[in-house]
Amino acid sequence: MVHPWYRLQVRRQFPALAAASMATALVLWGWDAPLVEDSLFWWVPKALWIAENGPAWVLAELPQAARPGFFLPPQWEGGMPDYAHPPLWYHWVGGVLALTRGWLPVHQGVHLAALPWAVLAGLAMAALLRRLGGERAAWAAPALLLLPPVATQLQRADTDLPLLGLATAALVALLDRRDWLFVICAGLATACKEPGVLLAAPALVAAVVDRRRSPAFLAPLVVLGVWGVIHWTQTGWFLAGTEHLPASPGDWLRDLGTVFWIALGDQGRWLVWPFVGWALWRGQRPRQRALWIAGTHAVVQLIFFASLNFLGGMDRADRYTHVRYLLPGVTTTHALALGTAPLAGIPLALASLFTADERSPHGPEASHHGVDVGRALQQAAPEIPEATWVGSYAWTQLTRPYAGVVDQPRDDLHLYGLGTDPAGVQGFVLHASAGEPLGRLQELPLEPVKTWTVGQAWVRLYRVSGQ
């Protein structure tokens, strides 16, 4: 007969298993989704170089996947970009691709590489919710995974996925006062992407709240410092610079407002706050220590990205917001909300399901829309005529088979950009509901020929009228 204590321990794992199963299902749902944006241009080409050539601290040349000798898209004009990012993620993906070579297409190997980190994110979210609000709150973990930017990230396989899982696990370690586990998780998070260093803030707050001396907060700082030194010895410069700094206090406040709206209100996320208000009015209070630690993490994440690298306020025709940067702040904020009012997970999950496919004004990383554009291009690829003009995203997916759109590269296409002169454009033009804008090609008389749709995403073929 099983002892009741063991039965209780097994039951306590059910929410974590449910969250891990949800994460696995989302990755498998996107199993054949093509590579998009940063995975397409940066992480996977780096990983392929690692798979073919072995480990390297800094990649200073284009991998074979980029097909040297062929015309390169603008994203690669100066060689493989993002040299300064820590190397753990693309080494991990490269190792998985080396193991799966010959029996899985590259894009499916990339999704396989993302699967363990998705499971870790699910387990860590259930554990965090348990620490914040008890057993009932832990059952709300799937609602966090269904948040459209999170569910989308599980299909995109960017470096923000391991960062999310490891950062959440590091928070759990702080709440459990397990410094050794925090050091491991925070160190690995920083080795995947520089913003892991922000975990030093909640670790320092935990030491202050607990009134004890703990050097654990130094772990992410040390990892980033060591990486910076390695990178400096290889390249002569230290770390990656910022993509965007606000030009004025007004611009910063605009970015700050956009960040907090994305985190707290967009895509129906505002629905949780009436539940939280009701819970607080009835006397349900977050656990004070957990509130200080997790709250610090959320606030520092959101303010940091509103101040650095946030593109939402840029005044340019092809701007879009890197919503994936906000995932640790978004999930921790809502974990605090669900820890206070677990029933808020129901409307949050429903709102997420209704908005998951919608085209977001904050860009293709905010919902499934960007991935669905890639799926629509998969459908369109066999019917795209020769000499069609396409944007750099579609051009790269159609000329690099590792993207998962074509088996054989298309070398009969023309590439357009924002400044392409319409006078030289003839024949057909391909345009999508997310990706590059048509720019000056809008001046042409374009006649719709055929549209391929997946969800609310579309890829449309136009004929230049009169030709």
Foldseek 3Di string as FASTA:
>chain_A
DDDVVVVVVVVLCVLLVVLLVLLLVLLVVLLLQFAFDCCLQALLQLLQQCLVPNDDFFDDAGHCLQVPPDDHAPCAPVHHPPRFWFDPLSPLLSVQCNVCPPPDFLLNSLSVSLSVLSSLLSNLLLLLLCLWANSLLSNLSNLLCLQFLNSQCSNNNALLSNLNSLLSQLLSCLSVVNLVSNLVSLLVSCSSGPVSLLLLFLNVVSCVVVVHDDPSSCSSVVSLQVSQVVSCVVPVGGHDDFPDAQPDPVQLVVLLVVLCCLQQPPLRNVLLVVLLVVLVVVPQDTDVSSCRSLVSSLVSQSSVVSGTNFFPSDPDDQTAGPCSSNSNNSSSVVSNSCSSGVVSSVSSSVSSVVCQCPDDRRACSSHCQRSQQSVLLLVCVVPDDFAEEEENRSQSCQQRCSSSSDPHHDPRYHYDAQPDDCVPDAFKYKDKPHDGDPHPVVVFPWAWDDWGGDRHIIITMTHRPPD
